[in-house]
Amino acid sequence: MRNATNFKITLLGALIAVGAALSGTNAQAGTEKLVVAGGCFWCVESDFESVTGVKEAVSGYTGGSTANPTYKQVGSGGTGHYEAVEITFDNSKVSRDQLLNLFFRSVDPTDAGGQFCDRGESYRTAVFYKNNAQKAAAEAAKASAQSDLGKKVVTPILPAAKFYKAEDYHQDYYKGSKVVLTRFGPKRQSEAYKRYRTACGRDKTVKALWGSDAPFANKY
């Protein structure tokens, strides 16, 4: 009887130890959200949804004073909002440091007036931090980008504000099949997106600035 009791105690101890180990693993690996603004949110969403470990990228608006803003309001100016993307990622597969370094090298962080052909406050770059760890990582990534470029990086590191999801038609625009009217004539959204991205000079500018370090520019 004593041997059976000792066996149960030993087994219980082993199960507790395994549970603690699994709990520690889960505490280290989980889902995290990072919000960045890099000009046209269609492009930022497209770029980061191609990264292994990213679960989702959502286009939206943040950083301004207007509640529940519309695309028209943000684009017209005066709301203070940026076009931004909320990136949800598995931090056991890709780190915030990696994503932030990819971000700075996917935009022109020396441009304070917008990005590429898109000008105005809503198209400026920014990183929005949710906690001190994200703030420190963003500041380190900014310093690294500035050092590598040898130019002043103007992208601000800002405390997170309320993130408003953009209208449904903006989500996954880069792979949409709906036919839309463009200056090139009627096109599927995916084709319209490619033409817009090329015409806007995003990848051409990023390649000229970052060279082989540009992570997404060679896709188009």
C-alpha atoms as a PDB file:
ATOM      1  CA  MET A   1       0.000   0.000   0.000  1.00  0.00           C
ATOM      2  CA  ARG A   2       2.849   2.361   0.900  1.00  0.00           C
ATOM      3  CA  ASN A   3       4.540   1.607  -2.421  1.00  0.00           C
ATOM      4  CA  ALA A   4       1.336   2.434  -4.287  1.00  0.00           C
ATOM      5  CA  THR A   5       1.006   5.712  -2.394  1.00  0.00           C
ATOM      6  CA  ASN A   6       4.629   6.619  -3.134  1.00  0.00           C
ATOM      7  CA  PHE A   7       4.061   5.815  -6.805  1.00  0.00           C
ATOM      8  CA  LYS A   8       1.020   8.144  -6.955  1.00  0.00           C
ATOM      9  CA  ILE A   9       2.978  10.943  -5.285  1.00  0.00           C
ATOM     10  CA  THR A  10       5.866  10.475  -7.717  1.00  0.00           C
ATOM     11  CA  LEU A  11       3.511  10.400 -10.699  1.00  0.00           C
ATOM     12  CA  LEU A  12       1.695  13.527  -9.482  1.00  0.00           C
ATOM     13  CA  GLY A  13       5.000  15.339  -9.061  1.00  0.00           C
ATOM     14  CA  ALA A  14       6.053  14.382 -12.571  1.00  0.00           C
ATOM     15  CA  LEU A  15       2.769  15.616 -14.039  1.00  0.00           C
ATOM     16  CA  ILE A  16       3.099  18.932 -12.184  1.00  0.00           C
ATOM     17  CA  ALA A  17       6.638  19.337 -13.508  1.00  0.00           C
ATOM     18  CA  VAL A  18       5.522  18.627 -17.088  1.00  0.00           C
ATOM     19  CA  GLY A  19       2.632  21.071 -16.701  1.00  0.00           C
ATOM     20  CA  ALA A  20       4.962  23.761 -15.403  1.00  0.00           C
ATOM     21  CA  ALA A  21       7.319  23.208 -18.314  1.00  0.00           C
ATOM     22  CA  LEU A  22       4.511  23.449 -20.835  1.00  0.00           C
ATOM     23  CA  SER A  23       3.160  26.533 -19.109  1.00  0.00           C
ATOM     24  CA  GLY A  24       6.561  28.207 -19.333  1.00  0.00           C
ATOM     25  CA  THR A  25       6.773  27.389 -23.036  1.00  0.00           C
ATOM     26  CA  ASN A  26       3.352  28.875 -23.720  1.00  0.00           C
ATOM     27  CA  ALA A  27       4.224  32.003 -21.741  1.00  0.00           C
ATOM     28  CA  GLN A  28       7.218  32.610 -23.981  1.00  0.00           C
ATOM     29  CA  ALA A  29       5.498  31.853 -27.268  1.00  0.00           C
ATOM     30  CA  GLY A  30       2.270  33.546 -28.208  1.00  0.00           C
ATOM     31  CA  THR A  31       0.449  36.030 -30.361  1.00  0.00           C
ATOM     32  CA  GLU A  32       1.477  39.672 -30.440  1.00  0.00           C
ATOM     33  CA  LYS A  33       0.168  42.723 -32.298  1.00  0.00           C
ATOM     34  CA  LEU A  34       2.300  45.457 -33.848  1.00  0.00           C
ATOM     35  CA  VAL A  35       0.911  48.611 -35.498  1.00  0.00           C
ATOM     36  CA  VAL A  36       2.879  50.446 -38.185  1.00  0.00           C
ATOM     37  CA  ALA A  37       2.138  53.137 -40.756  1.00  0.00           C
ATOM     38  CA  GLY A  38       4.000  53.000 -44.048  1.00  0.00           C
ATOM     39  CA  GLY A  39       2.031  54.933 -46.613  1.00  0.00           C
ATOM     40  CA  CYS A  40      -0.690  53.102 -48.519  1.00  0.00           C
ATOM     41  CA  PHE A  41      -2.051  50.432 -46.192  1.00  0.00           C
ATOM     42  CA  TRP A  42      -2.815  48.097 -49.104  1.00  0.00           C
ATOM     43  CA  CYS A  43       0.928  47.815 -49.720  1.00  0.00           C
ATOM     44  CA  VAL A  44       1.936  47.379 -46.083  1.00  0.00           C
ATOM     45  CA  GLU A  45      -0.734  44.710 -45.635  1.00  0.00           C
ATOM     46  CA  SER A  46       0.436  42.883 -48.762  1.00  0.00           C
ATOM     47  CA  ASP A  47       4.081  42.992 -47.685  1.00  0.00           C
ATOM     48  CA  PHE A  48       3.618  41.694 -44.176  1.00  0.00           C
ATOM     49  CA  GLU A  49       1.071  39.002 -44.953  1.00  0.00           C
ATOM     50  CA  SER A  50       3.863  37.370 -46.971  1.00  0.00           C
ATOM     51  CA  VAL A  51       6.095  37.029 -43.886  1.00  0.00           C
ATOM     52  CA  THR A  52       6.288  33.608 -42.242  1.00  0.00           C
ATOM     53  CA  GLY A  53       4.861  33.839 -38.734  1.00  0.00           C
ATOM     54  CA  VAL A  54       2.455  36.668 -39.520  1.00  0.00           C
ATOM     55  CA  LYS A  55      -1.098  35.469 -38.955  1.00  0.00           C
ATOM     56  CA  GLU A  56      -2.944  38.519 -40.236  1.00  0.00           C
ATOM     57  CA  ALA A  57      -2.460  42.116 -41.287  1.00  0.00           C
ATOM     58  CA  VAL A  58      -5.443  44.470 -41.047  1.00  0.00           C
ATOM     59  CA  SER A  59      -5.707  47.866 -42.724  1.00  0.00           C
ATOM     60  CA  GLY A  60      -7.018  50.707 -40.598  1.00  0.00           C
ATOM     61  CA  TYR A  61      -6.583  54.163 -39.127  1.00  0.00           C
ATOM     62  CA  THR A  62      -4.875  55.321 -35.938  1.00  0.00           C
ATOM     63  CA  GLY A  63      -3.166  58.245 -34.264  1.00  0.00           C
ATOM     64  CA  GLY A  64      -5.872  60.835 -34.792  1.00  0.00           C
ATOM     65  CA  SER A  65      -8.685  62.513 -32.900  1.00  0.00           C
ATOM     66  CA  THR A  66     -11.752  61.602 -34.963  1.00  0.00           C
ATOM     67  CA  ALA A  67     -13.755  58.599 -33.735  1.00  0.00           C
ATOM     68  CA  ASN A  68     -14.725  55.962 -36.294  1.00  0.00           C
ATOM     69  CA  PRO A  69     -13.115  57.793 -39.212  1.00  0.00           C
ATOM     70  CA  THR A  70     -13.917  56.979 -42.827  1.00  0.00           C
ATOM     71  CA  TYR A  71     -11.434  56.637 -45.659  1.00  0.00           C
ATOM     72  CA  LYS A  72     -12.716  59.877 -47.165  1.00  0.00           C
ATOM     73  CA  GLN A  73     -12.291  61.768 -43.892  1.00  0.00           C
ATOM     74  CA  VAL A  74      -8.761  60.488 -43.328  1.00  0.00           C
ATOM     75  CA  GLY A  75      -7.721  61.135 -46.920  1.00  0.00           C
ATOM     76  CA  SER A  76      -9.128  64.675 -46.821  1.00  0.00           C
ATOM     77  CA  GLY A  77      -6.908  65.519 -43.848  1.00  0.00           C
ATOM     78  CA  GLY A  78      -7.644  67.132 -40.519  1.00  0.00           C
ATOM     79  CA  THR A  79      -8.394  63.954 -38.545  1.00  0.00           C
ATOM     80  CA  GLY A  80      -4.751  63.373 -37.589  1.00  0.00           C
ATOM     81  CA  HIS A  81      -5.037  59.704 -38.467  1.00  0.00           C
ATOM     82  CA  TYR A  82      -2.435  57.665 -40.286  1.00  0.00           C
ATOM     83  CA  GLU A  83      -3.265  54.879 -42.711  1.00  0.00           C
ATOM     84  CA  ALA A  84      -1.910  52.022 -40.621  1.00  0.00           C
ATOM     85  CA  VAL A  85      -1.743  48.245 -40.438  1.00  0.00           C
ATOM     86  CA  GLU A  86      -2.177  46.065 -37.369  1.00  0.00           C
ATOM     87  CA  ILE A  87       0.080  43.024 -37.741  1.00  0.00           C
ATOM     88  CA  THR A  88      -0.799  39.938 -35.703  1.00  0.00           C
ATOM     89  CA  PHE A  89       2.121  37.526 -35.467  1.00  0.00           C
ATOM     90  CA  ASP A  90       3.335  34.383 -33.745  1.00  0.00           C
ATOM     91  CA  ASN A  91       6.399  35.530 -31.824  1.00  0.00           C
ATOM     92  CA  SER A  92       7.766  31.987 -31.709  1.00  0.00           C
ATOM     93  CA  LYS A  93       8.144  32.122 -35.504  1.00  0.00           C
ATOM     94  CA  VAL A  94       9.032  35.763 -36.133  1.00  0.00           C
ATOM     95  CA  SER A  95      10.127  38.372 -33.604  1.00  0.00           C
ATOM     96  CA  ARG A  96       9.050  41.976 -33.244  1.00  0.00           C
ATOM     97  CA  ASP A  97      12.679  42.944 -33.898  1.00  0.00           C
ATOM     98  CA  GLN A  98      12.611  41.152 -37.249  1.00  0.00           C
ATOM     99  CA  LEU A  99       9.299  42.727 -38.232  1.00  0.00           C
ATOM    100  CA  LEU A 100      10.433  46.214 -37.273  1.00  0.00           C
ATOM    101  CA  ASN A 101      13.636  45.872 -39.256  1.00  0.00           C
ATOM    102  CA  LEU A 102      11.617  44.650 -42.239  1.00  0.00           C
ATOM    103  CA  PHE A 103       9.275  47.605 -41.831  1.00  0.00           C
ATOM    104  CA  PHE A 104      11.952  50.292 -41.890  1.00  0.00           C
ATOM    105  CA  ARG A 105      13.494  48.706 -44.998  1.00  0.00           C
ATOM    106  CA  SER A 106      10.154  48.540 -46.804  1.00  0.00           C
ATOM    107  CA  VAL A 107       9.534  52.305 -46.715  1.00  0.00           C
ATOM    108  CA  ASP A 108      11.379  55.599 -47.127  1.00  0.00           C
ATOM    109  CA  PRO A 109      11.795  56.578 -43.460  1.00  0.00           C
ATOM    110  CA  THR A 110      13.597  59.796 -44.444  1.00  0.00           C
ATOM    111  CA  ASP A 111      10.424  61.282 -45.983  1.00  0.00           C
ATOM    112  CA  ALA A 112       8.329  63.328 -43.545  1.00  0.00           C
ATOM    113  CA  GLY A 113       5.668  64.378 -46.055  1.00  0.00           C
ATOM    114  CA  GLY A 114       4.159  61.037 -47.031  1.00  0.00           C
ATOM    115  CA  GLN A 115       5.317  58.022 -48.999  1.00  0.00           C
ATOM    116  CA  PHE A 116       6.163  57.855 -52.680  1.00  0.00           C
ATOM    117  CA  CYS A 117       3.331  59.344 -54.789  1.00  0.00           C
ATOM    118  CA  ASP A 118       0.998  59.541 -51.767  1.00  0.00           C
ATOM    119  CA  ARG A 119       1.443  62.856 -49.970  1.00  0.00           C
ATOM    120  CA  GLY A 120      -0.076  64.257 -46.794  1.00  0.00           C
ATOM    121  CA  GLU A 121      -0.402  63.463 -43.098  1.00  0.00           C
ATOM    122  CA  SER A 122      -2.294  60.212 -43.514  1.00  0.00           C
ATOM    123  CA  TYR A 123       0.539  58.695 -45.553  1.00  0.00           C
ATOM    124  CA  ARG A 124       3.383  59.443 -43.142  1.00  0.00           C
ATOM    125  CA  THR A 125       5.378  56.628 -41.562  1.00  0.00           C
ATOM    126  CA  ALA A 126       5.209  55.758 -37.854  1.00  0.00           C
ATOM    127  CA  VAL A 127       5.499  52.909 -35.375  1.00  0.00           C
ATOM    128  CA  PHE A 128       2.928  52.720 -32.578  1.00  0.00           C
ATOM    129  CA  TYR A 129       4.125  50.905 -29.450  1.00  0.00           C
ATOM    130  CA  LYS A 130       1.832  49.107 -27.009  1.00  0.00           C
ATOM    131  CA  ASN A 131       4.367  48.601 -24.207  1.00  0.00           C
ATOM    132  CA  ASN A 132       7.927  49.398 -23.179  1.00  0.00           C
ATOM    133  CA  ALA A 133       9.313  46.322 -24.923  1.00  0.00           C
ATOM    134  CA  GLN A 134       7.826  47.397 -28.247  1.00  0.00           C
ATOM    135  CA  LYS A 135       9.033  50.960 -27.711  1.00  0.00           C
ATOM    136  CA  ALA A 136      12.606  49.815 -27.065  1.00  0.00           C
ATOM    137  CA  ALA A 137      12.516  47.496 -30.083  1.00  0.00           C
ATOM    138  CA  ALA A 138      11.162  50.254 -32.333  1.00  0.00           C
ATOM    139  CA  GLU A 139      13.796  52.737 -31.189  1.00  0.00           C
ATOM    140  CA  ALA A 140      16.541  50.161 -31.786  1.00  0.00           C
ATOM    141  CA  ALA A 141      15.213  49.385 -35.273  1.00  0.00           C
ATOM    142  CA  LYS A 142      15.040  53.102 -36.075  1.00  0.00           C
ATOM    143  CA  ALA A 143      18.621  53.636 -34.907  1.00  0.00           C
ATOM    144  CA  SER A 144      19.774  50.673 -36.997  1.00  0.00           C
ATOM    145  CA  ALA A 145      18.009  52.028 -40.081  1.00  0.00           C
ATOM    146  CA  GLN A 146      19.546  55.464 -39.604  1.00  0.00           C
ATOM    147  CA  SER A 147      23.000  53.970 -39.173  1.00  0.00           C
ATOM    148  CA  ASP A 148      22.673  51.797 -42.271  1.00  0.00           C
ATOM    149  CA  LEU A 149      21.352  54.658 -44.410  1.00  0.00           C
ATOM    150  CA  GLY A 150      23.659  57.340 -43.106  1.00  0.00           C
ATOM    151  CA  LYS A 151      20.653  59.673 -43.270  1.00  0.00           C
ATOM    152  CA  LYS A 152      18.244  61.074 -40.701  1.00  0.00           C
ATOM    153  CA  VAL A 153      15.249  58.810 -40.145  1.00  0.00           C
ATOM    154  CA  VAL A 154      12.156  60.896 -39.388  1.00  0.00           C
ATOM    155  CA  THR A 155       9.701  58.069 -38.642  1.00  0.00           C
ATOM    156  CA  PRO A 156       8.268  58.796 -35.167  1.00  0.00           C
ATOM    157  CA  ILE A 157       7.867  56.166 -32.436  1.00  0.00           C
ATOM    158  CA  LEU A 158       4.480  56.926 -30.891  1.00  0.00           C
ATOM    159  CA  PRO A 159       2.347  55.482 -28.080  1.00  0.00           C
ATOM    160  CA  ALA A 160      -0.444  53.298 -29.414  1.00  0.00           C
ATOM    161  CA  ALA A 161      -3.796  54.967 -29.946  1.00  0.00           C
ATOM    162  CA  LYS A 162      -7.147  53.393 -30.744  1.00  0.00           C
ATOM    163  CA  PHE A 163      -6.949  51.418 -33.979  1.00  0.00           C
ATOM    164  CA  TYR A 164      -9.993  51.634 -36.252  1.00  0.00           C
ATOM    165  CA  LYS A 165     -10.374  48.888 -38.842  1.00  0.00           C
ATOM    166  CA  ALA A 166     -10.799  50.320 -42.339  1.00  0.00           C
ATOM    167  CA  GLU A 167     -13.793  49.610 -44.531  1.00  0.00           C
ATOM    168  CA  ASP A 168     -14.176  46.012 -45.717  1.00  0.00           C
ATOM    169  CA  TYR A 169     -13.272  46.808 -49.319  1.00  0.00           C
ATOM    170  CA  HIS A 170      -9.788  47.862 -48.206  1.00  0.00           C
ATOM    171  CA  GLN A 171      -9.018  44.524 -46.554  1.00  0.00           C
ATOM    172  CA  ASP A 172      -6.881  42.195 -48.704  1.00  0.00           C
ATOM    173  CA  TYR A 173      -7.319  44.616 -51.595  1.00  0.00           C
ATOM    174  CA  TYR A 174      -4.125  43.328 -53.191  1.00  0.00           C
ATOM    175  CA  LYS A 175      -5.691  39.925 -53.868  1.00  0.00           C
ATOM    176  CA  GLY A 176      -9.311  40.937 -54.461  1.00  0.00           C
ATOM    177  CA  SER A 177     -11.209  39.697 -57.526  1.00  0.00           C
ATOM    178  CA  LYS A 178     -13.856  42.417 -57.694  1.00  0.00           C
ATOM    179  CA  VAL A 179     -13.708  44.516 -60.875  1.00  0.00           C
ATOM    180  CA  VAL A 180     -13.093  48.200 -60.190  1.00  0.00           C
ATOM    181  CA  LEU A 181     -12.826  51.206 -62.482  1.00  0.00           C
ATOM    182  CA  THR A 182      -9.310  52.666 -62.650  1.00  0.00           C
ATOM    183  CA  ARG A 183      -7.506  55.153 -64.863  1.00  0.00           C
ATOM    184  CA  PHE A 184      -6.271  52.077 -66.746  1.00  0.00           C
ATOM    185  CA  GLY A 185      -9.869  50.985 -67.345  1.00  0.00           C
ATOM    186  CA  PRO A 186     -11.876  48.252 -65.554  1.00  0.00           C
ATOM    187  CA  LYS A 187      -9.518  45.922 -63.674  1.00  0.00           C
ATOM    188  CA  ARG A 188      -9.729  43.253 -61.026  1.00  0.00           C
ATOM    189  CA  GLN A 189      -8.607  44.646 -57.667  1.00  0.00           C
ATOM    190  CA  SER A 190      -5.452  42.507 -57.682  1.00  0.00           C
ATOM    191  CA  GLU A 191      -4.430  43.886 -61.082  1.00  0.00           C
ATOM    192  CA  ALA A 192      -5.427  47.430 -60.155  1.00  0.00           C
ATOM    193  CA  TYR A 193      -3.270  47.121 -57.044  1.00  0.00           C
ATOM    194  CA  LYS A 194      -0.203  46.010 -58.996  1.00  0.00           C
ATOM    195  CA  ARG A 195      -0.600  48.857 -61.463  1.00  0.00           C
ATOM    196  CA  TYR A 196      -1.063  51.388 -58.670  1.00  0.00           C
ATOM    197  CA  ARG A 197       1.997  50.124 -56.787  1.00  0.00           C
ATOM    198  CA  THR A 198       4.170  50.322 -59.888  1.00  0.00           C
ATOM    199  CA  ALA A 199       2.863  53.748 -60.955  1.00  0.00           C
ATOM    200  CA  CYS A 200       3.376  55.135 -57.452  1.00  0.00           C
ATOM    201  CA  GLY A 201       7.070  54.196 -57.551  1.00  0.00           C
ATOM    202  CA  ARG A 202       7.087  52.437 -54.192  1.00  0.00           C
ATOM    203  CA  ASP A 203       9.421  49.598 -55.070  1.00  0.00           C
ATOM    204  CA  LYS A 204      11.631  51.670 -57.346  1.00  0.00           C
ATOM    205  CA  THR A 205      12.236  54.173 -54.538  1.00  0.00           C
ATOM    206  CA  VAL A 206      12.766  51.508 -51.879  1.00  0.00           C
ATOM    207  CA  LYS A 207      15.263  49.654 -54.079  1.00  0.00           C
ATOM    208  CA  ALA A 208      17.183  52.871 -54.741  1.00  0.00           C
ATOM    209  CA  LEU A 209      17.279  53.629 -51.016  1.00  0.00           C
ATOM    210  CA  TRP A 210      17.914  50.182 -49.524  1.00  0.00           C
ATOM    211  CA  GLY A 211      19.386  48.164 -52.385  1.00  0.00           C
ATOM    212  CA  SER A 212      19.595  44.451 -51.615  1.00  0.00           C
ATOM    213  CA  ASP A 213      18.308  45.071 -48.075  1.00  0.00           C
ATOM    214  CA  ALA A 214      14.828  45.946 -49.395  1.00  0.00           C
ATOM    215  CA  PRO A 215      12.801  42.891 -48.307  1.00  0.00           C
ATOM    216  CA  PHE A 216       9.683  43.179 -50.483  1.00  0.00           C
ATOM    217  CA  ALA A 217      10.607  45.389 -53.441  1.00  0.00           C
ATOM    218  CA  ASN A 218      11.563  42.519 -55.743  1.00  0.00           C
ATOM    219  CA  LYS A 219       8.059  41.019 -55.622  1.00  0.00           C
ATOM    220  CA  TYR A 220       6.809  43.484 -58.246  1.00  0.00           C
END
